[in-house]
Amino acid sequence: QDLACRPRRVKMHERCSFPAARASTRYALVAALLGLAAGEDRFHWGDGRFISRIKHISSMNGQLDPAFDQEKSDYTLIVADPHEKVLTLNFALHNPKYYPTQPPSIDIDGKMFIFNPMEVIVKQLPLNETIAQFDHTFLIKVFDPKAESNQFTYRIRVKQPPQYEDIVVADAIVVTDSKGNALPIADGYKPYSSKHRSDQVTYQVTAANLPVVNLNIACPPYTGVHALERGEEFSANHTVEVNLMASYQTEHMIGCLYRDPEWATNALERLVRVRFWRLMTDEDIVKARLMSISDSGQCDQTDLNDDVFAAWPGNKSQTDRTAFKCRSQTDEVIQLLAFMQDIRVTSFLESLGPGGRQYKLTAKVPKTVYMTGGGSYYRFIVQAGTLFKTYPVFIFTAARCSTLPEVPGKVRQYGDAMCHGKVCDAAIDDDICFTKPPACTTYVDECPAHQRRRKDAEHHFCSQYKC
């Protein structure tokens, strides 16, 4: 505030003036604030001795490397906090060498830095405005405004790590069918959100979307970021085809990966489980499969026209045409599993023999079913609420191939395997029997030069019609 001026009612066109004593006092005050020593040499703008250097630069965000020296131009500063948004630089000038109103000019990255030499000089510069790593060199030019050739530039390279927890979060996950239609989110589930860092998303699929859908993931578009799918790395924006015909519930893992040895010793990754739930008809819901564990027996899917169901005691009009026949390796028990299309479905096996015993079947724990006699009929009932389906089942004891006679010209392959009928017949048991080829000794062709027929050739079968 200019105390030398007249009171407020002074007219706007009048000029204020300072008495000599008051001006001298004011200069002394400024000189004291700027640390000017009496009698010390000071330089005007344009003077060839004008100092275009900064006395010291420091930062609260980190240490300059190497330590600051006004005659060195290049430095590196690491900002360790990836969330820091502002770089604060503190400057100290050679105040005793300047007149109070003629400090050097400072230009930072092409923009003039306006400062008050009577105050502590602080400059705040923007750091990373994204989640990626930051690497920028700030150019600080100090110069004489009356002789710009008298200048010096400091280069401070500032580096900052990425935001590790966010750099591997996918920006978006979108699923479309072959016609480009976006798949809806399944009822009761939330859409993918990068803000909430979703780790799972569930889509609803209809018959119109089959057989394949396009799963697209958009990872953050920064250096070092890749899409990750089935252990392979792709560009940050990646699309993969997913076949949905194999199952009513399909899962696919996809995500983002960040690899940069400067900031992460090991690659960082984050996966999202993408699930597809195919809408099922009533017919689909109660579809099931009956299986036996391998050392207990074997179940095969057939139909009601199979000869073994000729004596089916149930009402054929109330059963499904699909049927199962299961061969047991013993006369007493067989262990069965039931595979359903939906986890809400229940199933059980009901005997049509005396007592009508029931067995609840699951896909995880085999159920021991006790047999009565050489063969028994059962109903395999699959139920979901008011929906249900009944499959005819015939369980019988299968004979071992080693106990059955061979068909002429056929050779038994596995002596302990179970055969379908009363003889080992390759037409039925093609995984057990095979056609008997002639013995090697019956071939008339002579062996090639330097070779001879084995002495035990009579007991070996050949695959080609020559030695």
Foldseek 3Di string as FASTA:
>chain_A
DDPQADPPPDDPPDDGDDDPVVVVVVQVVLCVLLVADPPDAADAQPPPVAAQWWCAKDWPQAAWPPHDDRVDAETEGEREDQPDFKTKMWTHHPSNHHRLVFHWWKAKPNHTDDDHSSDGDMDIDTFDPAQAKTWDWIWIKTARPNCRVRIDIHIYIYIYHGNQVLQWQWCAKWKAAPVRHTFAFDPPFDHDHSVVSAQETETEAEPVRDFKMKIWTAGPQDPQKFKAFPNDTHHNIDIDIDGDPPAQKDKGKITMWGDDVVHDVDIDHGIHIYMYHYDDDLVQQQDKDKAFPDQFWGKDKDFCPDPVNPVPPDDPVQADRIAMEIAGQDQWKTWMAMGGRDPQKWKWKFFPDPPGDIGTHHHPGTDIDTDDGFKTKIWIWIDHVPRIHTHIYMYGYFDFQLVAAEDPQKDFADRRDGDDDRHNDCVGPVVTMDGAAAFQVPADAADDPPDHDDPVSNPDHDPDRHD
